C-alpha atoms as a PDB file:
ATOM      1  CA  MET A   1       0.000   0.000   0.000  1.00  0.00           C
ATOM      2  CA  LEU A   2       1.326   3.413  -1.005  1.00  0.00           C
ATOM      3  CA  HIS A   3       0.672   6.332   1.362  1.00  0.00           C
ATOM      4  CA  CYS A   4       0.733   9.837  -0.108  1.00  0.00           C
ATOM      5  CA  LEU A   5       0.504  13.151   1.703  1.00  0.00           C
ATOM      6  CA  VAL A   6      -1.575  15.629  -0.324  1.00  0.00           C
ATOM      7  CA  ALA A   7      -0.921  19.286   0.539  1.00  0.00           C
ATOM      8  CA  ASP A   8      -3.641  21.759  -0.433  1.00  0.00           C
ATOM      9  CA  GLY A   9      -1.894  24.912  -1.629  1.00  0.00           C
ATOM     10  CA  ASN A  10      -4.790  27.229  -0.788  1.00  0.00           C
ATOM     11  CA  ALA A  11      -5.338  29.262   2.333  1.00  0.00           C
ATOM     12  CA  ARG A  12      -8.741  28.968   4.028  1.00  0.00           C
ATOM     13  CA  ASP A  13     -10.459  31.525   1.778  1.00  0.00           C
ATOM     14  CA  GLY A  14      -9.048  29.871  -1.332  1.00  0.00           C
ATOM     15  CA  ARG A  15     -10.280  26.467  -0.184  1.00  0.00           C
ATOM     16  CA  GLU A  16     -13.739  27.878   0.482  1.00  0.00           C
ATOM     17  CA  ASN A  17     -13.847  29.449  -2.987  1.00  0.00           C
ATOM     18  CA  HIS A  18     -12.742  26.181  -4.553  1.00  0.00           C
ATOM     19  CA  VAL A  19     -15.451  24.244  -2.731  1.00  0.00           C
ATOM     20  CA  ARG A  20     -18.081  26.738  -3.899  1.00  0.00           C
ATOM     21  CA  ALA A  21     -16.837  26.391  -7.488  1.00  0.00           C
ATOM     22  CA  THR A  22     -16.353  22.617  -7.657  1.00  0.00           C
ATOM     23  CA  GLY A  23     -17.901  21.032  -4.563  1.00  0.00           C
ATOM     24  CA  LYS A  24     -14.558  19.888  -3.151  1.00  0.00           C
ATOM     25  CA  THR A  25     -11.152  21.238  -2.168  1.00  0.00           C
ATOM     26  CA  SER A  26      -8.136  20.932  -4.457  1.00  0.00           C
ATOM     27  CA  ALA A  27      -6.655  18.298  -2.128  1.00  0.00           C
ATOM     28  CA  GLN A  28      -9.871  16.253  -2.124  1.00  0.00           C
ATOM     29  CA  ALA A  29      -9.988  16.333  -5.921  1.00  0.00           C
ATOM     30  CA  TYR A  30      -6.323  15.323  -6.173  1.00  0.00           C
ATOM     31  CA  ALA A  31      -6.792  12.454  -3.719  1.00  0.00           C
ATOM     32  CA  ALA A  32      -9.762  11.123  -5.701  1.00  0.00           C
ATOM     33  CA  LEU A  33      -7.714  11.275  -8.902  1.00  0.00           C
ATOM     34  CA  LEU A  34      -4.774   9.464  -7.323  1.00  0.00           C
ATOM     35  CA  LYS A  35      -7.080   6.631  -6.312  1.00  0.00           C
ATOM     36  CA  THR A  36      -8.138   6.171  -9.946  1.00  0.00           C
ATOM     37  CA  LEU A  37      -4.479   5.854 -10.959  1.00  0.00           C
ATOM     38  CA  ALA A  38      -3.416   3.565  -8.104  1.00  0.00           C
ATOM     39  CA  THR A  39      -6.007   1.512  -6.245  1.00  0.00           C
ATOM     40  CA  ASP A  40      -3.362   0.494  -3.691  1.00  0.00           C
ATOM     41  CA  LEU A  41      -2.840   4.106  -2.624  1.00  0.00           C
ATOM     42  CA  ALA A  42      -4.068   5.853   0.530  1.00  0.00           C
ATOM     43  CA  CYS A  43      -4.033   9.633   0.959  1.00  0.00           C
ATOM     44  CA  THR A  44      -3.673  11.880   3.980  1.00  0.00           C
ATOM     45  CA  LEU A  45      -4.784  15.461   3.314  1.00  0.00           C
ATOM     46  CA  ILE A  46      -3.121  18.459   4.924  1.00  0.00           C
ATOM     47  CA  ASN A  47      -3.566  22.254   4.741  1.00  0.00           C
ATOM     48  CA  PRO A  48      -0.019  23.594   5.196  1.00  0.00           C
ATOM     49  CA  ALA A  49      -1.058  27.233   4.742  1.00  0.00           C
ATOM     50  CA  ASP A  50      -2.876  27.112   8.088  1.00  0.00           C
ATOM     51  CA  ALA A  51      -1.127  28.057  11.315  1.00  0.00           C
ATOM     52  CA  ASP A  52      -2.711  25.147  13.194  1.00  0.00           C
ATOM     53  CA  VAL A  53      -1.738  22.488  10.648  1.00  0.00           C
ATOM     54  CA  ALA A  54      -0.243  19.253  11.922  1.00  0.00           C
ATOM     55  CA  LEU A  55       0.276  15.723  10.690  1.00  0.00           C
ATOM     56  CA  PRO A  56      -1.978  13.130  12.304  1.00  0.00           C
ATOM     57  CA  SER A  57      -0.693  11.802  15.609  1.00  0.00           C
ATOM     58  CA  GLY A  58       2.030   9.205  15.181  1.00  0.00           C
ATOM     59  CA  LEU A  59       2.907  10.210  11.594  1.00  0.00           C
ATOM     60  CA  ASP A  60       5.888  12.138  10.241  1.00  0.00           C
ATOM     61  CA  LEU A  61       7.168  12.780   6.726  1.00  0.00           C
ATOM     62  CA  ALA A  62       9.205   9.592   6.780  1.00  0.00           C
ATOM     63  CA  GLY A  63       5.963   7.642   7.075  1.00  0.00           C
ATOM     64  CA  PHE A  64       4.828   8.685   3.574  1.00  0.00           C
ATOM     65  CA  ASP A  65       5.885   7.448   0.160  1.00  0.00           C
ATOM     66  CA  ALA A  66       5.318  10.793  -1.579  1.00  0.00           C
ATOM     67  CA  LEU A  67       4.087  14.361  -1.167  1.00  0.00           C
ATOM     68  CA  ILE A  68       1.724  15.989  -3.676  1.00  0.00           C
ATOM     69  CA  PHE A  69       1.256  19.774  -3.870  1.00  0.00           C
ATOM     70  CA  THR A  70      -1.927  21.138  -5.464  1.00  0.00           C
ATOM     71  CA  GLY A  71      -2.465  24.470  -7.164  1.00  0.00           C
ATOM     72  CA  SER A  72      -3.250  27.637  -5.211  1.00  0.00           C
ATOM     73  CA  ALA A  73      -4.708  31.124  -5.466  1.00  0.00           C
ATOM     74  CA  LEU A  74      -1.713  32.405  -3.479  1.00  0.00           C
ATOM     75  CA  HIS A  75       1.360  34.028  -5.040  1.00  0.00           C
ATOM     76  CA  VAL A  76       4.785  32.689  -4.103  1.00  0.00           C
ATOM     77  CA  THR A  77       6.224  36.228  -4.050  1.00  0.00           C
ATOM     78  CA  GLU A  78       3.877  37.269  -1.236  1.00  0.00           C
ATOM     79  CA  ALA A  79       5.511  37.693   2.156  1.00  0.00           C
ATOM     80  CA  ARG A  80       2.663  35.919   3.930  1.00  0.00           C
ATOM     81  CA  PRO A  81       2.922  33.229   6.603  1.00  0.00           C
ATOM     82  CA  GLU A  82       0.562  31.065   4.500  1.00  0.00           C
ATOM     83  CA  VAL A  83       3.269  31.019   1.818  1.00  0.00           C
ATOM     84  CA  GLY A  84       6.171  30.614   4.220  1.00  0.00           C
ATOM     85  CA  ARG A  85       4.636  27.574   5.899  1.00  0.00           C
ATOM     86  CA  GLN A  86       4.302  25.823   2.538  1.00  0.00           C
ATOM     87  CA  ARG A  87       7.886  26.591   1.623  1.00  0.00           C
ATOM     88  CA  GLU A  88       8.943  25.001   4.915  1.00  0.00           C
ATOM     89  CA  LEU A  89       6.948  21.854   4.187  1.00  0.00           C
ATOM     90  CA  MET A  90       8.486  21.591   0.718  1.00  0.00           C
ATOM     91  CA  ARG A  91      11.970  22.113   2.136  1.00  0.00           C
ATOM     92  CA  ALA A  92      11.442  19.532   4.875  1.00  0.00           C
ATOM     93  CA  ALA A  93      10.063  16.941   2.451  1.00  0.00           C
ATOM     94  CA  LEU A  94      12.947  17.307   0.014  1.00  0.00           C
ATOM     95  CA  ASP A  95      15.515  17.264   2.813  1.00  0.00           C
ATOM     96  CA  ALA A  96      13.889  14.054   4.064  1.00  0.00           C
ATOM     97  CA  GLY A  97      14.355  12.455   0.633  1.00  0.00           C
ATOM     98  CA  LEU A  98      10.636  12.277  -0.126  1.00  0.00           C
ATOM     99  CA  PRO A  99       9.528  12.214  -3.793  1.00  0.00           C
ATOM    100  CA  VAL A 100       7.407  15.330  -4.402  1.00  0.00           C
ATOM    101  CA  PHE A 101       5.043  16.158  -7.263  1.00  0.00           C
ATOM    102  CA  GLY A 102       3.388  19.506  -7.828  1.00  0.00           C
ATOM    103  CA  SER A 103       1.383  21.257 -10.494  1.00  0.00           C
ATOM    104  CA  CYS A 104       1.327  25.048 -10.971  1.00  0.00           C
ATOM    105  CA  TRP A 105       1.755  26.369  -7.416  1.00  0.00           C
ATOM    106  CA  GLY A 106       3.781  23.331  -6.390  1.00  0.00           C
ATOM    107  CA  VAL A 107       6.345  23.986  -9.139  1.00  0.00           C
ATOM    108  CA  GLN A 108       6.783  27.582  -8.044  1.00  0.00           C
ATOM    109  CA  VAL A 109       7.215  26.631  -4.376  1.00  0.00           C
ATOM    110  CA  ALA A 110       9.761  23.916  -5.202  1.00  0.00           C
ATOM    111  CA  ALA A 111      11.747  26.185  -7.516  1.00  0.00           C
ATOM    112  CA  THR A 112      12.043  29.002  -4.989  1.00  0.00           C
ATOM    113  CA  VAL A 113      12.946  26.627  -2.150  1.00  0.00           C
ATOM    114  CA  ALA A 114      15.729  25.174  -4.309  1.00  0.00           C
ATOM    115  CA  GLY A 115      17.184  28.584  -5.210  1.00  0.00           C
ATOM    116  CA  GLY A 116      15.286  29.514  -8.369  1.00  0.00           C
ATOM    117  CA  ASP A 117      12.993  32.435  -9.079  1.00  0.00           C
ATOM    118  CA  ALA A 118       9.238  32.529  -9.638  1.00  0.00           C
ATOM    119  CA  GLY A 119       6.796  35.373 -10.169  1.00  0.00           C
ATOM    120  CA  ARG A 120       4.564  37.008 -12.743  1.00  0.00           C
ATOM    121  CA  ASN A 121       5.276  35.574 -16.178  1.00  0.00           C
ATOM    122  CA  PRO A 122       6.486  38.534 -18.288  1.00  0.00           C
ATOM    123  CA  ARG A 123       5.059  36.889 -21.421  1.00  0.00           C
ATOM    124  CA  GLY A 124       1.578  36.777 -19.961  1.00  0.00           C
ATOM    125  CA  PRO A 125      -0.822  34.317 -18.323  1.00  0.00           C
ATOM    126  CA  GLU A 126      -2.216  31.022 -19.581  1.00  0.00           C
ATOM    127  CA  TYR A 127      -5.939  30.521 -19.018  1.00  0.00           C
ATOM    128  CA  GLY A 128      -7.734  27.455 -20.277  1.00  0.00           C
ATOM    129  CA  PHE A 129      -4.898  25.645 -22.004  1.00  0.00           C
ATOM    130  CA  ALA A 130      -1.144  25.772 -22.402  1.00  0.00           C
ATOM    131  CA  ARG A 131      -0.669  25.245 -26.119  1.00  0.00           C
ATOM    132  CA  ALA A 132       2.051  23.506 -28.128  1.00  0.00           C
ATOM    133  CA  ILE A 133       4.098  22.304 -25.162  1.00  0.00           C
ATOM    134  CA  MET A 134       7.253  20.564 -26.386  1.00  0.00           C
ATOM    135  CA  PRO A 135       9.601  18.291 -24.442  1.00  0.00           C
ATOM    136  CA  THR A 136      13.153  19.602 -24.293  1.00  0.00           C
ATOM    137  CA  LEU A 137      16.137  17.436 -25.220  1.00  0.00           C
ATOM    138  CA  SER A 138      16.309  16.343 -21.558  1.00  0.00           C
ATOM    139  CA  GLY A 139      12.563  15.825 -21.498  1.00  0.00           C
ATOM    140  CA  ARG A 140      12.640  13.424 -24.431  1.00  0.00           C
ATOM    141  CA  ARG A 141      14.702  11.066 -22.282  1.00  0.00           C
ATOM    142  CA  HIS A 142      12.942  11.726 -18.966  1.00  0.00           C
ATOM    143  CA  PRO A 143      10.185   9.500 -17.520  1.00  0.00           C
ATOM    144  CA  LEU A 144       8.062  12.421 -16.267  1.00  0.00           C
ATOM    145  CA  VAL A 145       6.890  13.307 -19.791  1.00  0.00           C
ATOM    146  CA  SER A 146       7.318   9.800 -21.191  1.00  0.00           C
ATOM    147  CA  GLY A 147       4.542   9.050 -23.654  1.00  0.00           C
ATOM    148  CA  ARG A 148       3.871  12.656 -24.566  1.00  0.00           C
ATOM    149  CA  PRO A 149       4.073  13.511 -28.283  1.00  0.00           C
ATOM    150  CA  ALA A 150       6.447  16.059 -29.826  1.00  0.00           C
ATOM    151  CA  ALA A 151       3.879  18.803 -29.092  1.00  0.00           C
ATOM    152  CA  TYR A 152       0.805  18.715 -26.870  1.00  0.00           C
ATOM    153  CA  ASP A 153      -1.698  20.912 -25.042  1.00  0.00           C
ATOM    154  CA  ALA A 154      -2.710  20.723 -21.382  1.00  0.00           C
ATOM    155  CA  PRO A 155      -5.122  22.458 -18.976  1.00  0.00           C
ATOM    156  CA  ALA A 156      -3.532  25.584 -17.490  1.00  0.00           C
ATOM    157  CA  MET A 157      -4.555  28.431 -15.165  1.00  0.00           C
ATOM    158  CA  HIS A 158      -1.758  30.727 -14.042  1.00  0.00           C
ATOM    159  CA  LEU A 159      -0.417  34.251 -13.863  1.00  0.00           C
ATOM    160  CA  ASP A 160       2.818  33.264 -12.111  1.00  0.00           C
ATOM    161  CA  ALA A 161       5.467  30.822 -13.265  1.00  0.00           C
ATOM    162  CA  VAL A 162       9.068  29.740 -12.741  1.00  0.00           C
ATOM    163  CA  ILE A 163      11.148  32.518 -14.274  1.00  0.00           C
ATOM    164  CA  ALA A 164      14.622  31.166 -13.475  1.00  0.00           C
ATOM    165  CA  PRO A 165      15.096  27.434 -12.797  1.00  0.00           C
ATOM    166  CA  PRO A 166      17.099  26.571  -9.674  1.00  0.00           C
ATOM    167  CA  PRO A 167      20.517  24.914  -9.705  1.00  0.00           C
ATOM    168  CA  ASN A 168      20.409  21.112  -9.931  1.00  0.00           C
ATOM    169  CA  SER A 169      17.307  21.093 -12.103  1.00  0.00           C
ATOM    170  CA  ASP A 170      16.370  19.938 -15.595  1.00  0.00           C
ATOM    171  CA  VAL A 171      13.725  21.755 -17.619  1.00  0.00           C
ATOM    172  CA  LEU A 172      11.744  18.999 -19.320  1.00  0.00           C
ATOM    173  CA  ALA A 173       9.149  20.872 -21.407  1.00  0.00           C
ATOM    174  CA  SER A 174       8.415  24.415 -22.575  1.00  0.00           C
ATOM    175  CA  ASN A 175       6.303  26.374 -25.023  1.00  0.00           C
ATOM    176  CA  ALA A 176       6.336  29.792 -26.687  1.00  0.00           C
ATOM    177  CA  LEU A 177       4.842  31.477 -23.623  1.00  0.00           C
ATOM    178  CA  LEU A 178       6.893  29.816 -20.894  1.00  0.00           C
ATOM    179  CA  ASP A 179      10.328  28.220 -20.729  1.00  0.00           C
ATOM    180  CA  VAL A 180       9.454  25.994 -17.748  1.00  0.00           C
ATOM    181  CA  GLN A 181       6.339  23.897 -18.343  1.00  0.00           C
ATOM    182  CA  ALA A 182       7.770  20.735 -16.762  1.00  0.00           C
ATOM    183  CA  ILE A 183      10.831  20.306 -14.557  1.00  0.00           C
ATOM    184  CA  GLU A 184      12.823  18.005 -12.308  1.00  0.00           C
ATOM    185  CA  ILE A 185      14.422  19.640  -9.260  1.00  0.00           C
ATOM    186  CA  ARG A 186      16.909  17.901  -6.990  1.00  0.00           C
ATOM    187  CA  ARG A 187      17.619  19.167  -3.482  1.00  0.00           C
ATOM    188  CA  GLY A 188      19.667  17.077  -1.095  1.00  0.00           C
ATOM    189  CA  ALA A 189      18.213  13.578  -0.999  1.00  0.00           C
ATOM    190  CA  GLY A 190      14.885  14.733  -2.401  1.00  0.00           C
ATOM    191  CA  VAL A 191      13.540  14.870  -5.956  1.00  0.00           C
ATOM    192  CA  PHE A 192      10.693  17.040  -7.225  1.00  0.00           C
ATOM    193  CA  TRP A 193       8.846  16.418 -10.482  1.00  0.00           C
ATOM    194  CA  GLY A 194       6.219  18.871 -11.614  1.00  0.00           C
ATOM    195  CA  THR A 195       4.371  20.785 -14.286  1.00  0.00           C
ATOM    196  CA  GLN A 196       3.254  24.384 -14.574  1.00  0.00           C
ATOM    197  CA  TYR A 197       0.132  23.094 -16.304  1.00  0.00           C
ATOM    198  CA  HIS A 198      -2.589  21.077 -14.538  1.00  0.00           C
ATOM    199  CA  PRO A 199      -2.641  17.390 -15.565  1.00  0.00           C
ATOM    200  CA  GLU A 200      -5.005  16.710 -12.662  1.00  0.00           C
ATOM    201  CA  LEU A 201      -7.891  18.866 -13.877  1.00  0.00           C
ATOM    202  CA  ASP A 202     -10.927  17.390 -15.585  1.00  0.00           C
ATOM    203  CA  LEU A 203     -12.531  19.695 -18.140  1.00  0.00           C
ATOM    204  CA  ASP A 204     -15.496  20.547 -15.910  1.00  0.00           C
ATOM    205  CA  GLU A 205     -13.061  21.512 -13.127  1.00  0.00           C
ATOM    206  CA  LEU A 206     -11.191  23.691 -15.608  1.00  0.00           C
ATOM    207  CA  GLY A 207     -14.469  25.366 -16.506  1.00  0.00           C
ATOM    208  CA  ALA A 208     -15.154  26.003 -12.829  1.00  0.00           C
ATOM    209  CA  MET A 209     -11.691  27.580 -12.451  1.00  0.00           C
ATOM    210  CA  LEU A 210     -12.379  29.860 -15.424  1.00  0.00           C
ATOM    211  CA  ARG A 211     -15.622  31.008 -13.818  1.00  0.00           C
ATOM    212  CA  LEU A 212     -13.826  31.566 -10.499  1.00  0.00           C
ATOM    213  CA  GLN A 213     -11.133  33.691 -12.173  1.00  0.00           C
ATOM    214  CA  ALA A 214     -13.406  35.335 -14.735  1.00  0.00           C
ATOM    215  CA  GLU A 215     -12.209  38.869 -13.971  1.00  0.00           C
ATOM    216  CA  ASP A 216      -8.584  37.858 -14.555  1.00  0.00           C
ATOM    217  CA  VAL A 217      -9.501  36.126 -17.807  1.00  0.00           C
ATOM    218  CA  ILE A 218     -11.311  39.263 -19.009  1.00  0.00           C
ATOM    219  CA  GLU A 219      -8.461  41.535 -17.895  1.00  0.00           C
ATOM    220  CA  ALA A 220      -6.046  39.388 -19.922  1.00  0.00           C
ATOM    221  CA  ARG A 221      -8.398  39.946 -22.917  1.00  0.00           C
ATOM    222  CA  PHE A 222      -8.939  36.235 -23.446  1.00  0.00           C
ATOM    223  CA  CYS A 223     -12.689  36.889 -23.193  1.00  0.00           C
ATOM    224  CA  ARG A 224     -14.611  40.110 -23.673  1.00  0.00           C
ATOM    225  CA  ASN A 225     -17.022  39.696 -20.761  1.00  0.00           C
ATOM    226  CA  ARG A 226     -18.457  37.223 -18.262  1.00  0.00           C
ATOM    227  CA  ALA A 227     -20.881  35.868 -20.842  1.00  0.00           C
ATOM    228  CA  ASP A 228     -17.912  34.831 -23.002  1.00  0.00           C
ATOM    229  CA  VAL A 229     -16.238  33.162 -20.020  1.00  0.00           C
ATOM    230  CA  GLU A 230     -19.460  31.317 -19.199  1.00  0.00           C
ATOM    231  CA  ALA A 231     -19.873  30.172 -22.810  1.00  0.00           C
ATOM    232  CA  PHE A 232     -16.349  28.735 -22.882  1.00  0.00           C
ATOM    233  CA  ALA A 233     -16.804  27.088 -19.472  1.00  0.00           C
ATOM    234  CA  ALA A 234     -20.137  25.610 -20.575  1.00  0.00           C
ATOM    235  CA  ASP A 235     -18.462  24.113 -23.651  1.00  0.00           C
ATOM    236  CA  LEU A 236     -15.862  22.511 -21.391  1.00  0.00           C
ATOM    237  CA  ASP A 237     -18.646  21.085 -19.212  1.00  0.00           C
ATOM    238  CA  ASP A 238     -20.260  19.550 -22.306  1.00  0.00           C
ATOM    239  CA  LEU A 239     -16.934  18.114 -23.484  1.00  0.00           C
ATOM    240  CA  HIS A 240     -16.372  16.585 -20.065  1.00  0.00           C
ATOM    241  CA  ARG A 241     -19.760  14.886 -20.167  1.00  0.00           C
ATOM    242  CA  GLY A 242     -19.415  13.611 -23.735  1.00  0.00           C
ATOM    243  CA  PRO A 243     -16.012  14.055 -25.384  1.00  0.00           C
ATOM    244  CA  ARG A 244     -16.841  11.611 -28.197  1.00  0.00           C
ATOM    245  CA  GLU A 245     -20.263  13.086 -28.865  1.00  0.00           C
ATOM    246  CA  ARG A 246     -19.116  16.723 -28.923  1.00  0.00           C
ATOM    247  CA  THR A 247     -16.448  16.583 -31.596  1.00  0.00           C
ATOM    248  CA  ASP A 248     -17.822  19.926 -32.779  1.00  0.00           C
ATOM    249  CA  LEU A 249     -16.695  21.568 -29.534  1.00  0.00           C
ATOM    250  CA  ALA A 250     -13.301  19.860 -29.623  1.00  0.00           C
ATOM    251  CA  TRP A 251     -12.820  21.170 -33.168  1.00  0.00           C
ATOM    252  CA  ARG A 252     -14.057  24.662 -32.280  1.00  0.00           C
ATOM    253  CA  HIS A 253     -11.579  25.027 -29.404  1.00  0.00           C
ATOM    254  CA  GLY A 254      -8.718  23.085 -30.966  1.00  0.00           C
ATOM    255  CA  ILE A 255      -8.706  20.412 -28.243  1.00  0.00           C
ATOM    256  CA  GLY A 256      -7.084  17.089 -29.128  1.00  0.00           C
ATOM    257  CA  SER A 257      -6.737  13.665 -27.580  1.00  0.00           C
ATOM    258  CA  GLU A 258      -3.953  14.641 -25.166  1.00  0.00           C
ATOM    259  CA  VAL A 259      -6.571  16.749 -23.368  1.00  0.00           C
ATOM    260  CA  LEU A 260      -9.746  14.785 -24.069  1.00  0.00           C
ATOM    261  CA  ASP A 261      -8.406  11.375 -23.030  1.00  0.00           C
ATOM    262  CA  ALA A 262      -8.189  11.195 -19.228  1.00  0.00           C
ATOM    263  CA  LEU A 263      -5.205   8.851 -19.097  1.00  0.00           C
ATOM    264  CA  SER A 264      -3.258  10.975 -21.571  1.00  0.00           C
ATOM    265  CA  ARG A 265      -4.132  14.168 -19.705  1.00  0.00           C
ATOM    266  CA  ARG A 266      -2.930  12.697 -16.388  1.00  0.00           C
ATOM    267  CA  ARG A 267       0.199  11.101 -17.825  1.00  0.00           C
ATOM    268  CA  GLU A 268       2.720  12.990 -15.677  1.00  0.00           C
ATOM    269  CA  ILE A 269       1.030  12.016 -12.411  1.00  0.00           C
ATOM    270  CA  ALA A 270       0.925   8.348 -13.410  1.00  0.00           C
ATOM    271  CA  ASN A 271       4.581   8.530 -14.488  1.00  0.00           C
ATOM    272  CA  PHE A 272       5.510  10.031 -11.120  1.00  0.00           C
ATOM    273  CA  LEU A 273       3.834   7.167  -9.273  1.00  0.00           C
ATOM    274  CA  ASP A 274       5.251   4.463 -11.541  1.00  0.00           C
ATOM    275  CA  HIS A 275       8.813   5.722 -11.992  1.00  0.00           C
ATOM    276  CA  LEU A 276       9.607   7.556  -8.758  1.00  0.00           C
ATOM    277  CA  VAL A 277       7.240   6.523  -5.958  1.00  0.00           C
ATOM    278  CA  ARG A 278       6.790   2.785  -6.459  1.00  0.00           C
ATOM    279  CA  PRO A 279      10.506   1.966  -6.894  1.00  0.00           C
ATOM    280  CA  ARG A 280      11.338   3.887  -3.703  1.00  0.00           C
ATOM    281  CA  ALA A 281       8.514   2.174  -1.787  1.00  0.00           C
ATOM    282  CA  ARG A 282       9.875  -1.270  -2.765  1.00  0.00           C
ATOM    283  CA  ARG A 283      13.289  -0.633  -1.220  1.00  0.00           C
END
């Protein structure tokens, strides 16, 4: 049995907003997804942004096979205790030699802990999808993005990104808007694998995130108004319910099989479990 610690990147208000938008927290959604990828996996959920956070009695980091970091509405550049506590958890997990995976927020936390730089992407945000992501030369040989084609799209929702990779890291994928779409970071005995995009998001969850961040999407001029955001989100809901029936919507939005097929969309998380977590757990 694998035992993963799932860290929700949101502070209390962010978790409440996420529940209103999707019916569950980011950590709950991640834990449910992990169970579909590995039936022999148990999850413990934790909210490291909170001052009163603690691991369950009798458990410490050494008792887990991996740590997963979710996305977050926080910004890693903010000098807030909610950010600092998550940096400390990331640092402690890597120093303990724990395999860590993170999407979006998790990548930014890992990069800054390891000596890199993260902040507002000077080339602009990605809302909806990161397009034409391409594995780097290192990525073509790396198991994190194993199985991905020469170019692919993925769900994405971010203003911030890794601007300068830390020492002892390999950038594994990039696109025209962002140099660091996937990365491996090594710190001490620990290894972090992660993506700036969101392989964990189903299309209806992505639609909910677009509704939640509608003002940002409009400000970025991706949509003209809330009605446009709602129309796009509604199309994503329909595609989630019937990807094979709504080929018209897939064509209209330029969405291919790497997004529509759940196993393809979640490839990096499955690769993390198969190539990093399971071999360590067998030792």
